Protein backbone atom coordinates (compact mmCIF):
# COMPACT_ATOMS: atom_id res chain seq x y z
CA UNK A 1 9.41 31.75 -160.39
CA UNK A 2 10.94 29.11 -158.18
CA UNK A 3 12.08 31.09 -155.16
CA UNK A 4 10.42 30.02 -151.91
CA UNK A 5 9.17 32.13 -149.02
CA UNK A 6 12.03 31.09 -146.74
CA UNK A 7 15.20 33.06 -147.49
CA UNK A 8 17.45 30.28 -146.22
CA UNK A 9 15.83 27.65 -148.43
CA UNK A 10 15.24 29.85 -151.49
CA UNK A 11 15.91 28.39 -154.90
CA UNK A 12 16.27 30.30 -158.14
CA UNK A 13 16.17 29.80 -161.88
CA UNK A 14 18.56 32.05 -163.79
CA UNK A 15 19.45 33.22 -167.27
CA UNK A 16 23.16 33.61 -168.08
CA UNK A 17 24.49 35.48 -171.09
CA UNK A 18 28.11 35.21 -172.17
CA UNK A 19 28.77 31.73 -170.75
CA UNK A 20 31.26 31.10 -173.53
CA UNK A 21 33.44 33.93 -172.24
CA UNK A 22 35.80 34.02 -169.28
CA UNK A 23 33.53 35.84 -166.84
CA UNK A 24 30.36 34.04 -167.92
CA UNK A 25 32.04 30.64 -167.64
CA UNK A 26 33.02 31.42 -164.05
CA UNK A 27 29.46 32.43 -163.23
CA UNK A 28 28.11 29.31 -164.95
CA UNK A 29 30.38 26.98 -162.96
CA UNK A 30 29.36 28.68 -159.70
CA UNK A 31 25.70 28.22 -160.59
CA UNK A 32 26.17 24.56 -161.49
CA UNK A 33 27.86 23.98 -158.12
CA UNK A 34 25.26 25.78 -156.01
CA UNK A 35 22.13 23.81 -155.03
CA UNK A 36 20.09 27.00 -154.68
CA UNK A 37 20.30 27.42 -158.48
CA UNK A 38 17.90 24.81 -159.81
CA UNK A 39 17.57 25.81 -163.46
CA UNK A 40 19.85 27.68 -165.86
CA UNK A 41 19.15 29.03 -169.34
CA UNK A 42 22.27 29.98 -171.29
CA UNK A 43 21.83 32.53 -174.06
CA UNK A 44 24.71 31.97 -176.45
CA UNK A 45 25.73 32.71 -180.01
CA UNK A 46 27.53 29.36 -180.24
CA UNK A 47 27.22 26.13 -178.21
CA UNK A 48 29.06 25.82 -174.90
CA UNK A 49 30.42 22.28 -174.31
CA UNK A 50 28.98 21.92 -170.81
CA UNK A 51 26.27 19.42 -169.95
CA UNK A 52 24.22 19.26 -166.75
CA UNK A 53 20.69 18.24 -165.76
CA UNK A 54 19.72 21.77 -164.73
CA UNK A 55 21.17 23.41 -167.84
CA UNK A 56 19.36 24.53 -171.00
CA UNK A 57 20.80 26.46 -173.92
CA UNK A 58 19.27 28.88 -176.42
CA UNK A 59 21.52 29.48 -179.42
CA UNK A 60 20.92 32.70 -181.31
CA UNK A 61 23.22 34.70 -183.56
CA UNK A 62 21.29 37.85 -182.64
CA UNK A 63 20.19 38.58 -179.06
CA UNK A 64 17.63 41.02 -180.48
CA UNK A 65 15.58 37.99 -181.53
CA UNK A 66 15.13 36.90 -177.89
CA UNK A 67 11.53 37.44 -176.75
CA UNK A 68 9.85 37.55 -173.34
CA UNK A 69 8.48 34.07 -174.06
CA UNK A 70 12.03 32.70 -174.17
CA UNK A 71 12.71 34.06 -170.67
CA UNK A 72 9.40 33.25 -168.96
CA UNK A 73 9.72 31.62 -165.55
CA UNK A 74 13.21 32.84 -164.63
CA UNK A 75 14.00 34.68 -161.41
CA UNK A 76 17.15 36.50 -162.48
CA UNK A 77 19.55 37.30 -165.29
CA UNK A 78 23.32 37.25 -164.89
CA UNK A 79 24.37 39.39 -167.84
CA UNK A 80 28.02 38.59 -168.53
CA UNK A 81 28.16 39.10 -172.30
CA UNK A 82 30.35 41.88 -173.57
CA UNK A 83 33.11 42.96 -175.92
CA UNK A 84 36.25 45.04 -175.77
CA UNK A 85 35.92 48.63 -176.98
CA UNK A 86 39.31 48.33 -178.67
CA UNK A 87 38.95 49.22 -182.34
CA UNK A 88 35.21 49.89 -182.06
CA UNK A 89 33.44 53.14 -182.83
CA UNK A 90 31.09 54.48 -180.17
CA UNK A 91 28.11 53.49 -182.33
CA UNK A 92 29.39 49.92 -182.71
CA UNK A 93 30.18 49.58 -179.02
CA UNK A 94 26.80 51.07 -178.03
CA UNK A 95 24.90 48.65 -180.29
CA UNK A 96 26.31 45.68 -178.38
CA UNK A 97 26.94 47.04 -174.89
CA UNK A 98 23.79 49.15 -174.51
CA UNK A 99 21.21 48.04 -177.08
CA UNK A 100 21.56 44.27 -176.65
CA UNK A 101 21.73 44.49 -172.85
CA UNK A 102 18.61 46.64 -172.63
CA UNK A 103 16.76 44.37 -175.05
CA UNK A 104 17.36 41.35 -172.81
CA UNK A 105 16.52 43.38 -169.70
CA UNK A 106 13.20 44.52 -171.16
CA UNK A 107 12.31 40.99 -172.27
CA UNK A 108 13.09 39.64 -168.80
CA UNK A 109 11.02 42.22 -166.96
CA UNK A 110 8.06 41.77 -169.29
CA UNK A 111 8.12 38.03 -168.70
CA UNK A 112 9.03 38.22 -165.00
CA UNK A 113 8.17 41.56 -163.38
CA UNK A 114 9.58 40.48 -159.99
CA UNK A 115 12.97 39.47 -161.37
CA UNK A 116 16.54 40.51 -160.52
CA UNK A 117 19.13 41.76 -163.00
CA UNK A 118 22.88 41.45 -162.40
CA UNK A 119 25.07 43.27 -164.91
CA UNK A 120 28.82 42.87 -165.30
CA UNK A 121 30.08 46.38 -165.90
CA UNK A 122 33.63 47.38 -165.01
CA UNK A 123 35.79 49.46 -162.70
CA UNK A 124 35.96 53.03 -163.98
CA UNK A 125 32.44 53.08 -165.43
CA UNK A 126 31.20 56.66 -165.80
CA UNK A 127 27.57 57.16 -164.82
CA UNK A 128 27.78 60.87 -165.63
CA UNK A 129 27.86 59.72 -169.29
CA UNK A 130 30.02 62.76 -170.02
CA UNK A 131 33.61 61.62 -169.48
CA UNK A 132 36.36 61.29 -172.06
CA UNK A 133 36.47 57.48 -172.03
CA UNK A 134 34.05 56.11 -174.61
CA UNK A 135 33.64 52.67 -173.07
CA UNK A 136 33.08 54.17 -169.60
CA UNK A 137 30.37 56.52 -170.91
CA UNK A 138 28.52 53.71 -172.69
CA UNK A 139 28.78 51.39 -169.68
CA UNK A 140 27.54 54.24 -167.48
CA UNK A 141 24.58 54.86 -169.75
CA UNK A 142 23.78 51.15 -169.62
CA UNK A 143 23.99 51.08 -165.82
CA UNK A 144 21.72 54.14 -165.54
CA UNK A 145 19.10 52.59 -167.81
CA UNK A 146 19.13 49.28 -165.93
CA UNK A 147 18.89 50.95 -162.51
CA UNK A 148 15.89 52.97 -163.75
CA UNK A 149 13.97 49.84 -164.76
CA UNK A 150 11.39 48.41 -162.32
CA UNK A 151 13.22 45.19 -161.45
CA UNK A 152 12.76 43.84 -157.94
CA UNK A 153 16.47 44.55 -157.62
CA UNK A 154 19.29 45.39 -160.00
CA UNK A 155 23.01 45.18 -159.27
CA UNK A 156 25.91 46.58 -161.22
CA UNK A 157 29.07 44.50 -160.75
CA UNK A 158 32.22 46.54 -161.39
CA UNK A 159 35.20 44.21 -161.16
CA UNK A 160 38.66 45.54 -161.86
CA UNK A 161 41.29 42.90 -162.46
CA UNK A 162 39.71 39.40 -162.66
CA UNK A 163 41.88 36.30 -162.37
CA UNK A 164 40.44 33.26 -164.19
CA UNK A 165 40.34 30.12 -162.02
CA UNK A 166 39.25 26.48 -162.47
CA UNK A 167 40.98 26.12 -165.83
CA UNK A 168 39.03 28.97 -167.43
CA UNK A 169 40.88 30.70 -170.25
CA UNK A 170 40.15 33.87 -172.15
CA UNK A 171 39.22 33.49 -175.81
CA UNK A 172 41.36 36.55 -176.58
CA UNK A 173 44.96 35.39 -176.96
CA UNK A 174 46.69 38.48 -175.63
CA UNK A 175 44.26 38.69 -172.67
CA UNK A 176 45.19 35.13 -171.75
CA UNK A 177 48.87 35.97 -172.02
CA UNK A 178 48.30 38.81 -169.56
CA UNK A 179 46.48 36.49 -167.14
CA UNK A 180 49.32 33.98 -167.35
CA UNK A 181 51.86 36.70 -166.63
CA UNK A 182 49.81 38.12 -163.76
CA UNK A 183 49.14 34.79 -162.06
CA UNK A 184 52.10 35.14 -159.65
CA UNK A 185 51.15 38.75 -158.97
CA UNK A 186 47.55 37.73 -158.23
CA UNK A 187 48.87 35.48 -155.46
CA UNK A 188 49.78 38.75 -153.73
CA UNK A 189 46.84 40.88 -154.93
CA UNK A 190 44.26 38.43 -153.62
CA UNK A 191 45.19 39.51 -150.11
CA UNK A 192 44.00 43.04 -150.96
CA UNK A 193 40.23 42.74 -151.60
CA UNK A 194 39.88 46.08 -153.36
CA UNK A 195 42.67 45.36 -155.83
CA UNK A 196 41.49 42.22 -157.64
CA UNK A 197 38.91 39.46 -157.74
CA UNK A 198 38.50 36.15 -159.58
CA UNK A 199 35.93 34.33 -161.69
CA UNK A 200 34.81 32.08 -158.82
CA UNK A 201 34.25 34.95 -156.37
CA UNK A 202 32.31 36.90 -158.99
CA UNK A 203 30.00 33.95 -159.69
CA UNK A 204 29.38 33.32 -155.99
CA UNK A 205 28.73 37.02 -155.40
CA UNK A 206 26.06 37.10 -158.10
CA UNK A 207 24.31 34.13 -156.51
CA UNK A 208 24.59 35.69 -153.05
CA UNK A 209 22.69 38.87 -153.97
CA UNK A 210 19.63 36.85 -154.96
CA UNK A 211 18.84 35.75 -151.42
CA UNK A 212 20.86 38.21 -149.33
CA UNK A 213 20.84 41.52 -151.20
CA UNK A 214 23.32 44.17 -150.06
CA UNK A 215 22.28 47.80 -149.59
CA UNK A 216 24.59 48.94 -152.38
CA UNK A 217 23.56 48.42 -156.00
CA UNK A 218 26.98 49.18 -157.47
CA UNK A 219 29.54 46.61 -156.33
CA UNK A 220 33.30 46.84 -156.82
CA UNK A 221 36.06 44.36 -156.11
CA UNK A 222 35.83 44.76 -152.34
CA UNK A 223 32.09 44.05 -152.25
CA UNK A 224 32.38 41.23 -154.80
CA UNK A 225 35.05 39.50 -152.76
CA UNK A 226 33.08 39.88 -149.53
CA UNK A 227 29.93 38.43 -151.09
CA UNK A 228 31.83 35.69 -152.91
CA UNK A 229 33.99 34.52 -150.04
């Protein structure tokens, strides 16, 4: 662990999953910019073409092969990896959204019992686990499991609409088309904190909860924008 006793001068080492995706890339750039983040381990299935002195990368085709030893010495995990539920069965979506997330969470807490876990969920997540929406049930089950684990703190980030900034583009072609079309609309939506957020604000908000944790553990657009401003 690298965090110091002084909250104002605290530094942190973090693990980021999903840095090749739109959300993860925004979080990565925020971490590279922030001096309080001194070391970053990216868990990726394929290399990310970003180079920095405080950046390390672990390439694995299967996150289930990640062990506590891989994650030893890290203060927090920013879990940004995920897939769309479109075209997936509940079993397929659960295997990636729930099983892989919980595997990384367990490895982190074994290696670093005093660590913090930040999970990118989504607006509309159903923690009753009983709703009609498959993706919302699975995300809710994942949130419930993470919040029950003995992390020092765990935060569920539930963004709604996210505008990519800083040249970030979605790997999914039709998603990117939507972001391009919505860019003028976002110029209006950004004045309504509950309606939308962006990749930069989300990254800054994740960093902010490490040293200045809010009372709420489930954070929507309004809270993300306040923390990431």
